[in-house]
Amino acid sequence: MSFSIQWLDSNGEMHTTEWNSGNYPIDKSRTSPELGSIGVPSNAIAVTPYVQVYWGNSADGTPYVQYVPGSPNVATYNATGTTLDVHVNLVQ
């Protein structure tokens, strides 16, 4: 699987960053760079990971979270399920 970051603008339009984690195996983890450094603007309404399963489906993380530039807080999501039925949920 791999993931990118999606962000919602004030017009309700969803955007996906060009940054991508690259493919990695199940039971492994990846961390995105600081969101501002990969193109998420400071006025984004909400952000979420967008997970694409290799040879399978894709899913947005739920719930979306607010991006606060410079915040030490980190949102952790867990992807579970199968190739055709992936779920991405906020852990913390």
C-alpha atoms as a PDB file:
ATOM      1  CA  MET A   1       0.000   0.000   0.000  1.00  0.00           C
ATOM      2  CA  SER A   2       0.962   3.651  -0.205  1.00  0.00           C
ATOM      3  CA  PHE A   3      -0.550   6.909   0.932  1.00  0.00           C
ATOM      4  CA  SER A   4      -0.724  10.589   0.092  1.00  0.00           C
ATOM      5  CA  ILE A   5      -2.224  13.459   2.054  1.00  0.00           C
ATOM      6  CA  GLN A   6      -5.520  15.060   1.070  1.00  0.00           C
ATOM      7  CA  TRP A   7      -6.670  18.458   2.236  1.00  0.00           C
ATOM      8  CA  LEU A   8      -9.983  20.304   2.073  1.00  0.00           C
ATOM      9  CA  ASP A   9     -10.088  23.961   1.029  1.00  0.00           C
ATOM     10  CA  SER A  10     -12.621  26.615   2.080  1.00  0.00           C
ATOM     11  CA  ASN A  11     -14.669  25.951  -1.094  1.00  0.00           C
ATOM     12  CA  GLY A  12     -15.189  22.331  -0.082  1.00  0.00           C
ATOM     13  CA  GLU A  13     -12.790  21.028  -2.748  1.00  0.00           C
ATOM     14  CA  MET A  14     -10.476  18.136  -1.877  1.00  0.00           C
ATOM     15  CA  HIS A  15      -6.853  18.258  -3.058  1.00  0.00           C
ATOM     16  CA  THR A  16      -4.216  15.522  -2.997  1.00  0.00           C
ATOM     17  CA  THR A  17      -0.542  16.271  -2.459  1.00  0.00           C
ATOM     18  CA  GLU A  18       1.990  15.120  -5.039  1.00  0.00           C
ATOM     19  CA  TRP A  19       4.001  13.598  -2.189  1.00  0.00           C
ATOM     20  CA  ASN A  20       3.497   9.852  -1.802  1.00  0.00           C
ATOM     21  CA  SER A  21       4.867   7.429   0.782  1.00  0.00           C
ATOM     22  CA  GLY A  22       5.869   4.874  -1.847  1.00  0.00           C
ATOM     23  CA  ASN A  23       4.745   1.254  -1.641  1.00  0.00           C
ATOM     24  CA  TYR A  24       5.380  -0.570   1.612  1.00  0.00           C
ATOM     25  CA  PRO A  25       4.253  -3.950   3.005  1.00  0.00           C
ATOM     26  CA  ILE A  26       1.467  -4.670   5.464  1.00  0.00           C
ATOM     27  CA  ASP A  27       2.390  -4.414   9.166  1.00  0.00           C
ATOM     28  CA  LYS A  28       4.872  -1.624   8.444  1.00  0.00           C
ATOM     29  CA  SER A  29       4.417   2.085   9.035  1.00  0.00           C
ATOM     30  CA  ARG A  30       5.308   5.295   7.248  1.00  0.00           C
ATOM     31  CA  THR A  31       5.273   8.912   8.363  1.00  0.00           C
ATOM     32  CA  SER A  32       4.601  11.889   6.124  1.00  0.00           C
ATOM     33  CA  PRO A  33       6.874  14.919   6.161  1.00  0.00           C
ATOM     34  CA  GLU A  34       5.542  18.057   7.875  1.00  0.00           C
ATOM     35  CA  LEU A  35       2.385  18.848   5.913  1.00  0.00           C
ATOM     36  CA  GLY A  36       3.320  22.410   4.975  1.00  0.00           C
ATOM     37  CA  SER A  37       6.519  21.111   3.373  1.00  0.00           C
ATOM     38  CA  ILE A  38       4.514  18.901   0.985  1.00  0.00           C
ATOM     39  CA  GLY A  39       2.028  21.542  -0.118  1.00  0.00           C
ATOM     40  CA  VAL A  40      -0.760  21.576   2.456  1.00  0.00           C
ATOM     41  CA  PRO A  41      -1.622  25.261   2.992  1.00  0.00           C
ATOM     42  CA  SER A  42      -1.937  26.698   6.490  1.00  0.00           C
ATOM     43  CA  ASN A  43      -5.590  27.592   5.814  1.00  0.00           C
ATOM     44  CA  ALA A  44      -6.614  24.005   4.940  1.00  0.00           C
ATOM     45  CA  ILE A  45      -9.955  23.219   6.594  1.00  0.00           C
ATOM     46  CA  ALA A  46      -9.115  19.540   7.214  1.00  0.00           C
ATOM     47  CA  VAL A  47      -6.545  16.900   6.284  1.00  0.00           C
ATOM     48  CA  THR A  48      -6.553  13.117   6.009  1.00  0.00           C
ATOM     49  CA  PRO A  49      -4.392  10.360   4.584  1.00  0.00           C
ATOM     50  CA  TYR A  50      -5.501   8.857   1.284  1.00  0.00           C
ATOM     51  CA  VAL A  51      -4.485   5.183   1.223  1.00  0.00           C
ATOM     52  CA  GLN A  52      -4.129   3.206  -2.003  1.00  0.00           C
ATOM     53  CA  VAL A  53      -3.792  -0.556  -1.647  1.00  0.00           C
ATOM     54  CA  TYR A  54      -1.493  -2.110  -4.238  1.00  0.00           C
ATOM     55  CA  TRP A  55      -3.770  -3.974  -6.672  1.00  0.00           C
ATOM     56  CA  GLY A  56      -6.813  -3.001  -4.604  1.00  0.00           C
ATOM     57  CA  ASN A  57      -9.092  -0.252  -3.394  1.00  0.00           C
ATOM     58  CA  SER A  58      -8.408   3.111  -1.825  1.00  0.00           C
ATOM     59  CA  ALA A  59      -9.810   4.918   1.209  1.00  0.00           C
ATOM     60  CA  ASP A  60      -9.678   8.254   3.018  1.00  0.00           C
ATOM     61  CA  GLY A  61      -8.800   8.320   6.687  1.00  0.00           C
ATOM     62  CA  THR A  62     -11.620   9.072   9.117  1.00  0.00           C
ATOM     63  CA  PRO A  63     -12.186  11.355  10.810  1.00  0.00           C
ATOM     64  CA  TYR A  64     -10.436  14.248   9.107  1.00  0.00           C
ATOM     65  CA  VAL A  65      -8.270  16.395  11.379  1.00  0.00           C
ATOM     66  CA  GLN A  66      -7.303  20.059  11.408  1.00  0.00           C
ATOM     67  CA  TYR A  67      -3.801  21.010  10.275  1.00  0.00           C
ATOM     68  CA  VAL A  68      -2.109  23.483  12.616  1.00  0.00           C
ATOM     69  CA  PRO A  69       1.258  24.602  11.217  1.00  0.00           C
ATOM     70  CA  GLY A  70       4.036  24.331  13.784  1.00  0.00           C
ATOM     71  CA  SER A  71       1.982  22.188  16.171  1.00  0.00           C
ATOM     72  CA  PRO A  72       3.819  19.343  17.899  1.00  0.00           C
ATOM     73  CA  ASN A  73       0.650  17.202  17.670  1.00  0.00           C
ATOM     74  CA  VAL A  74       0.675  14.194  15.357  1.00  0.00           C
ATOM     75  CA  ALA A  75      -2.340  12.358  13.944  1.00  0.00           C
ATOM     76  CA  THR A  76      -1.826   8.599  13.680  1.00  0.00           C
ATOM     77  CA  TYR A  77      -4.056   6.519  11.424  1.00  0.00           C
ATOM     78  CA  ASN A  78      -4.250   2.745  11.169  1.00  0.00           C
ATOM     79  CA  ALA A  79      -5.084   0.993   7.883  1.00  0.00           C
ATOM     80  CA  THR A  80      -6.845  -2.355   8.294  1.00  0.00           C
ATOM     81  CA  GLY A  81      -8.846  -4.753   6.175  1.00  0.00           C
ATOM     82  CA  THR A  82      -8.152  -6.494   2.910  1.00  0.00           C
ATOM     83  CA  THR A  83      -7.038  -5.523  -0.558  1.00  0.00           C
ATOM     84  CA  LEU A  84     -10.624  -4.910  -1.612  1.00  0.00           C
ATOM     85  CA  ASP A  85     -11.960  -3.543   1.697  1.00  0.00           C
ATOM     86  CA  VAL A  86      -9.494  -1.191   3.387  1.00  0.00           C
ATOM     87  CA  HIS A  87     -10.400   1.072   6.351  1.00  0.00           C
ATOM     88  CA  VAL A  88      -8.263   3.939   7.618  1.00  0.00           C
ATOM     89  CA  ASN A  89      -9.100   5.135  11.125  1.00  0.00           C
ATOM     90  CA  LEU A  90      -7.633   7.732  13.466  1.00  0.00           C
ATOM     91  CA  VAL A  91      -5.779   6.167  16.379  1.00  0.00           C
ATOM     92  CA  GLN A  92      -4.710   9.359  18.184  1.00  0.00           C
END
